[in-house]
Amino acid sequence: MLFTDGLPSSDPKVGYRGTSAAAACGISYRQLDYWDRTGLVQPSVRGAAGSGSQRLYAFRDILVLKLVKRLLDTGVSLQQIRIAVEQLRAAGINDLAAITLMSDGARVYLCTTQDEVMDLLGRGQGVFGIAVGRVLREVEASLVNMKENHIDDLDELAARRHNKKAV
């Protein structure tokens, strides 16, 4: 789990299917699949387990997906984004609303105070920033009308297989 505090509490057995997660973040399912297979952002509720299985992404996973998308849109390389995601994991951030991700287009900086933001801007390093708290609210709003799935729910293919065996 990337973040532990400052987010809506959720049942660890409840998540959103890959198509819902991709739609909430504004990415294609193909991108979602690639990021999962390469370990950038993997679903923490249930991973892919072969053809026809459904991934389930927690709210925190979807937040990270949206942050990755934002950084890509601003021109940051996937290699630097991987480093930024690892820094976030290592930092164990408690208050997401206070975080700003800054970048000069080449590197990503994790700023937890206004002084750090001003210092980067003063040195001419910060070109743009992403307020994580604002992205968090956007993800919440995009998921309001999407159906949550429980980890024990059978996906469609598994349900068909189960019904076929019962006959």
C-alpha atoms as a PDB file:
ATOM      1  CA  MET A   1       0.000   0.000   0.000  1.00  0.00           C
ATOM      2  CA  LEU A   2       1.461   3.336  -1.024  1.00  0.00           C
ATOM      3  CA  PHE A   3      -0.316   5.664   1.393  1.00  0.00           C
ATOM      4  CA  THR A   4      -1.854   4.935   4.748  1.00  0.00           C
ATOM      5  CA  ASP A   5      -3.382   8.182   6.038  1.00  0.00           C
ATOM      6  CA  GLY A   6      -5.295  11.148   4.692  1.00  0.00           C
ATOM      7  CA  LEU A   7      -7.452   9.084   2.333  1.00  0.00           C
ATOM      8  CA  PRO A   8     -10.975   7.779   2.527  1.00  0.00           C
ATOM      9  CA  SER A   9     -11.002   4.615   4.566  1.00  0.00           C
ATOM     10  CA  SER A  10     -11.897   1.577   2.559  1.00  0.00           C
ATOM     11  CA  ASP A  11     -12.387  -2.114   2.984  1.00  0.00           C
ATOM     12  CA  PRO A  12      -9.191  -3.896   1.837  1.00  0.00           C
ATOM     13  CA  LYS A  13     -11.390  -6.443   0.059  1.00  0.00           C
ATOM     14  CA  VAL A  14     -13.245  -3.855  -2.012  1.00  0.00           C
ATOM     15  CA  GLY A  15     -11.917  -2.239  -5.161  1.00  0.00           C
ATOM     16  CA  TYR A  16     -12.650  -1.057  -8.657  1.00  0.00           C
ATOM     17  CA  ARG A  17     -12.252  -3.090 -11.831  1.00  0.00           C
ATOM     18  CA  GLY A  18      -9.512  -2.142 -14.249  1.00  0.00           C
ATOM     19  CA  THR A  19     -11.911  -0.514 -16.714  1.00  0.00           C
ATOM     20  CA  SER A  20     -13.312   1.731 -13.956  1.00  0.00           C
ATOM     21  CA  ALA A  21      -9.823   2.596 -12.690  1.00  0.00           C
ATOM     22  CA  ALA A  22      -8.642   3.461 -16.205  1.00  0.00           C
ATOM     23  CA  ALA A  23     -11.708   5.618 -16.839  1.00  0.00           C
ATOM     24  CA  ALA A  24     -11.304   7.447 -13.508  1.00  0.00           C
ATOM     25  CA  CYS A  25      -7.698   8.301 -14.396  1.00  0.00           C
ATOM     26  CA  GLY A  26      -8.202   9.130 -18.048  1.00  0.00           C
ATOM     27  CA  ILE A  27      -5.903   6.393 -19.312  1.00  0.00           C
ATOM     28  CA  SER A  28      -6.452   3.488 -21.653  1.00  0.00           C
ATOM     29  CA  TYR A  29      -6.884  -0.051 -20.380  1.00  0.00           C
ATOM     30  CA  ARG A  30      -3.763  -0.923 -22.372  1.00  0.00           C
ATOM     31  CA  GLN A  31      -1.743   1.626 -20.357  1.00  0.00           C
ATOM     32  CA  LEU A  32      -3.191   0.256 -17.136  1.00  0.00           C
ATOM     33  CA  ASP A  33      -2.204  -3.268 -18.145  1.00  0.00           C
ATOM     34  CA  TYR A  34       1.328  -2.164 -19.082  1.00  0.00           C
ATOM     35  CA  TRP A  35       1.832  -0.310 -15.794  1.00  0.00           C
ATOM     36  CA  ASP A  36       0.664  -3.389 -13.902  1.00  0.00           C
ATOM     37  CA  ARG A  37       2.870  -5.825 -15.830  1.00  0.00           C
ATOM     38  CA  THR A  38       5.936  -3.585 -15.406  1.00  0.00           C
ATOM     39  CA  GLY A  39       5.310  -3.047 -11.687  1.00  0.00           C
ATOM     40  CA  LEU A  40       4.760   0.713 -11.818  1.00  0.00           C
ATOM     41  CA  VAL A  41       1.294   0.598 -10.253  1.00  0.00           C
ATOM     42  CA  GLN A  42      -0.192  -2.760  -9.387  1.00  0.00           C
ATOM     43  CA  PRO A  43      -3.666  -3.445  -7.999  1.00  0.00           C
ATOM     44  CA  SER A  44      -3.534  -3.996  -4.260  1.00  0.00           C
ATOM     45  CA  VAL A  45      -6.953  -5.637  -3.835  1.00  0.00           C
ATOM     46  CA  ARG A  46      -6.626  -8.381  -6.465  1.00  0.00           C
ATOM     47  CA  GLY A  47      -4.081  -8.772  -9.251  1.00  0.00           C
ATOM     48  CA  ALA A  48      -4.525 -10.401 -12.622  1.00  0.00           C
ATOM     49  CA  ALA A  49      -4.473 -14.172 -12.442  1.00  0.00           C
ATOM     50  CA  GLY A  50      -4.658 -15.299 -16.032  1.00  0.00           C
ATOM     51  CA  SER A  51      -6.982 -14.730 -18.924  1.00  0.00           C
ATOM     52  CA  GLY A  52     -10.426 -13.504 -17.955  1.00  0.00           C
ATOM     53  CA  SER A  53      -9.587 -12.599 -14.357  1.00  0.00           C
ATOM     54  CA  GLN A  54     -10.458  -9.144 -13.099  1.00  0.00           C
ATOM     55  CA  ARG A  55      -7.981  -6.851 -11.383  1.00  0.00           C
ATOM     56  CA  LEU A  56      -9.341  -4.835  -8.478  1.00  0.00           C
ATOM     57  CA  TYR A  57      -7.739  -1.479  -7.692  1.00  0.00           C
ATOM     58  CA  ALA A  58      -8.030   0.235  -4.310  1.00  0.00           C
ATOM     59  CA  PHE A  59      -8.668   3.973  -4.077  1.00  0.00           C
ATOM     60  CA  ARG A  60      -4.993   4.536  -3.283  1.00  0.00           C
ATOM     61  CA  ASP A  61      -3.952   2.665  -6.431  1.00  0.00           C
ATOM     62  CA  ILE A  62      -6.222   4.863  -8.531  1.00  0.00           C
ATOM     63  CA  LEU A  63      -4.764   7.990  -6.938  1.00  0.00           C
ATOM     64  CA  VAL A  64      -1.263   6.860  -7.888  1.00  0.00           C
ATOM     65  CA  LEU A  65      -2.442   6.053 -11.427  1.00  0.00           C
ATOM     66  CA  LYS A  66      -3.850   9.578 -11.750  1.00  0.00           C
ATOM     67  CA  LEU A  67      -0.610  11.122 -10.451  1.00  0.00           C
ATOM     68  CA  VAL A  68       1.421   9.057 -12.931  1.00  0.00           C
ATOM     69  CA  LYS A  69      -0.875  10.209 -15.746  1.00  0.00           C
ATOM     70  CA  ARG A  70      -0.480  13.851 -14.710  1.00  0.00           C
ATOM     71  CA  LEU A  71       3.302  13.561 -14.640  1.00  0.00           C
ATOM     72  CA  LEU A  72       3.358  11.884 -18.056  1.00  0.00           C
ATOM     73  CA  ASP A  73       1.134  14.633 -19.470  1.00  0.00           C
ATOM     74  CA  THR A  74       3.660  17.232 -18.348  1.00  0.00           C
ATOM     75  CA  GLY A  75       6.529  15.482 -20.102  1.00  0.00           C
ATOM     76  CA  VAL A  76       8.228  13.682 -17.220  1.00  0.00           C
ATOM     77  CA  SER A  77       9.859  10.427 -18.321  1.00  0.00           C
ATOM     78  CA  LEU A  78       8.462   7.119 -17.120  1.00  0.00           C
ATOM     79  CA  GLN A  79      11.870   6.384 -15.574  1.00  0.00           C
ATOM     80  CA  GLN A  80      11.656   9.534 -13.412  1.00  0.00           C
ATOM     81  CA  ILE A  81       8.045   8.748 -12.533  1.00  0.00           C
ATOM     82  CA  ARG A  82       9.115   5.320 -11.267  1.00  0.00           C
ATOM     83  CA  ILE A  83      11.676   7.040  -9.029  1.00  0.00           C
ATOM     84  CA  ALA A  84       9.024   9.489  -7.758  1.00  0.00           C
ATOM     85  CA  VAL A  85       6.607   6.660  -6.919  1.00  0.00           C
ATOM     86  CA  GLU A  86       9.369   4.873  -4.994  1.00  0.00           C
ATOM     87  CA  GLN A  87      10.182   8.108  -3.116  1.00  0.00           C
ATOM     88  CA  LEU A  88       6.529   8.446  -2.125  1.00  0.00           C
ATOM     89  CA  ARG A  89       6.487   4.864  -0.878  1.00  0.00           C
ATOM     90  CA  ALA A  90       9.711   5.362   1.082  1.00  0.00           C
ATOM     91  CA  ALA A  91       8.554   8.671   2.602  1.00  0.00           C
ATOM     92  CA  GLY A  92       5.452   7.106   4.169  1.00  0.00           C
ATOM     93  CA  ILE A  93       3.532  10.327   3.743  1.00  0.00           C
ATOM     94  CA  ASN A  94       0.794  10.944   6.316  1.00  0.00           C
ATOM     95  CA  ASP A  95      -0.943  14.103   5.061  1.00  0.00           C
ATOM     96  CA  LEU A  96      -1.500  13.955   1.322  1.00  0.00           C
ATOM     97  CA  ALA A  97      -3.296  17.294   1.192  1.00  0.00           C
ATOM     98  CA  ALA A  98      -0.023  19.021   2.110  1.00  0.00           C
ATOM     99  CA  ILE A  99       2.088  17.400  -0.619  1.00  0.00           C
ATOM    100  CA  THR A 100       3.063  19.063  -3.861  1.00  0.00           C
ATOM    101  CA  LEU A 101       4.964  17.183  -6.531  1.00  0.00           C
ATOM    102  CA  MET A 102       7.239  19.630  -8.349  1.00  0.00           C
ATOM    103  CA  SER A 103       9.214  18.992 -11.490  1.00  0.00           C
ATOM    104  CA  ASP A 104      11.644  20.762 -13.747  1.00  0.00           C
ATOM    105  CA  GLY A 105      10.631  18.487 -16.593  1.00  0.00           C
ATOM    106  CA  ALA A 106      13.469  16.085 -15.911  1.00  0.00           C
ATOM    107  CA  ARG A 107      13.244  15.247 -12.196  1.00  0.00           C
ATOM    108  CA  VAL A 108      10.365  15.063  -9.740  1.00  0.00           C
ATOM    109  CA  TYR A 109      10.668  16.606  -6.270  1.00  0.00           C
ATOM    110  CA  LEU A 110       8.457  15.753  -3.296  1.00  0.00           C
ATOM    111  CA  CYS A 111       7.617  18.926  -1.357  1.00  0.00           C
ATOM    112  CA  THR A 112       5.830  18.719   1.971  1.00  0.00           C
ATOM    113  CA  THR A 113       6.036  22.400   2.947  1.00  0.00           C
ATOM    114  CA  GLN A 114       5.526  25.732   1.212  1.00  0.00           C
ATOM    115  CA  ASP A 115       9.152  26.570   2.036  1.00  0.00           C
ATOM    116  CA  GLU A 116      10.359  23.604  -0.019  1.00  0.00           C
ATOM    117  CA  VAL A 117       8.209  24.728  -2.957  1.00  0.00           C
ATOM    118  CA  MET A 118       9.507  28.293  -2.701  1.00  0.00           C
ATOM    119  CA  ASP A 119      13.096  27.055  -2.416  1.00  0.00           C
ATOM    120  CA  LEU A 120      12.745  25.041  -5.647  1.00  0.00           C
ATOM    121  CA  LEU A 121      11.145  27.967  -7.444  1.00  0.00           C
ATOM    122  CA  GLY A 122      13.811  30.329  -6.124  1.00  0.00           C
ATOM    123  CA  ARG A 123      16.571  28.123  -7.498  1.00  0.00           C
ATOM    124  CA  GLY A 124      14.772  27.973 -10.829  1.00  0.00           C
ATOM    125  CA  GLN A 125      14.240  24.237 -10.552  1.00  0.00           C
ATOM    126  CA  GLY A 126      10.462  24.037 -10.276  1.00  0.00           C
ATOM    127  CA  VAL A 127       8.631  24.463 -13.555  1.00  0.00           C
ATOM    128  CA  PHE A 128       5.273  23.011 -12.530  1.00  0.00           C
ATOM    129  CA  GLY A 129       3.636  21.472  -9.522  1.00  0.00           C
ATOM    130  CA  ILE A 130       0.870  18.984  -8.827  1.00  0.00           C
ATOM    131  CA  ALA A 131      -1.075  19.407  -5.595  1.00  0.00           C
ATOM    132  CA  VAL A 132      -1.759  15.834  -4.490  1.00  0.00           C
ATOM    133  CA  GLY A 133      -4.735  16.880  -2.349  1.00  0.00           C
ATOM    134  CA  ARG A 134      -6.494  18.307  -5.390  1.00  0.00           C
ATOM    135  CA  VAL A 135      -5.869  15.139  -7.414  1.00  0.00           C
ATOM    136  CA  LEU A 136      -7.216  13.111  -4.490  1.00  0.00           C
ATOM    137  CA  ARG A 137     -10.500  15.068  -4.609  1.00  0.00           C
ATOM    138  CA  GLU A 138     -10.698  14.606  -8.399  1.00  0.00           C
ATOM    139  CA  VAL A 139     -10.321  10.835  -8.013  1.00  0.00           C
ATOM    140  CA  GLU A 140     -12.999  10.775  -5.313  1.00  0.00           C
ATOM    141  CA  ALA A 141     -15.372  12.686  -7.595  1.00  0.00           C
ATOM    142  CA  SER A 142     -14.695  10.421 -10.572  1.00  0.00           C
ATOM    143  CA  LEU A 143     -15.393   7.275  -8.527  1.00  0.00           C
ATOM    144  CA  VAL A 144     -18.666   8.456  -6.981  1.00  0.00           C
ATOM    145  CA  ASN A 145     -20.848   6.839  -9.657  1.00  0.00           C
ATOM    146  CA  MET A 146     -18.687   3.779 -10.273  1.00  0.00           C
ATOM    147  CA  LYS A 147     -19.523   0.400  -8.804  1.00  0.00           C
ATOM    148  CA  GLU A 148     -17.206  -1.088  -6.217  1.00  0.00           C
ATOM    149  CA  ASN A 149     -16.532  -4.812  -6.390  1.00  0.00           C
ATOM    150  CA  HIS A 150     -15.783  -7.171  -3.515  1.00  0.00           C
ATOM    151  CA  ILE A 151     -12.768  -9.449  -3.834  1.00  0.00           C
ATOM    152  CA  ASP A 152     -14.978 -12.500  -3.315  1.00  0.00           C
ATOM    153  CA  ASP A 153     -17.288 -11.567  -6.198  1.00  0.00           C
ATOM    154  CA  LEU A 154     -16.806 -13.846  -9.164  1.00  0.00           C
ATOM    155  CA  ASP A 155     -15.870 -12.093 -12.363  1.00  0.00           C
ATOM    156  CA  GLU A 156     -18.026 -12.790 -15.398  1.00  0.00           C
ATOM    157  CA  LEU A 157     -15.799 -15.473 -16.926  1.00  0.00           C
ATOM    158  CA  ALA A 158     -15.343 -17.291 -13.615  1.00  0.00           C
ATOM    159  CA  ALA A 159     -19.122 -17.197 -13.053  1.00  0.00           C
ATOM    160  CA  ARG A 160     -19.736 -18.731 -16.492  1.00  0.00           C
ATOM    161  CA  ARG A 161     -17.182 -21.480 -15.807  1.00  0.00           C
ATOM    162  CA  HIS A 162     -18.757 -22.169 -12.426  1.00  0.00           C
ATOM    163  CA  ASN A 163     -22.263 -22.386 -13.936  1.00  0.00           C
ATOM    164  CA  LYS A 164     -21.031 -24.647 -16.734  1.00  0.00           C
ATOM    165  CA  LYS A 165     -19.507 -27.112 -14.234  1.00  0.00           C
ATOM    166  CA  ALA A 166     -22.734 -27.131 -12.203  1.00  0.00           C
ATOM    167  CA  VAL A 167     -24.798 -28.254 -15.194  1.00  0.00           C
END
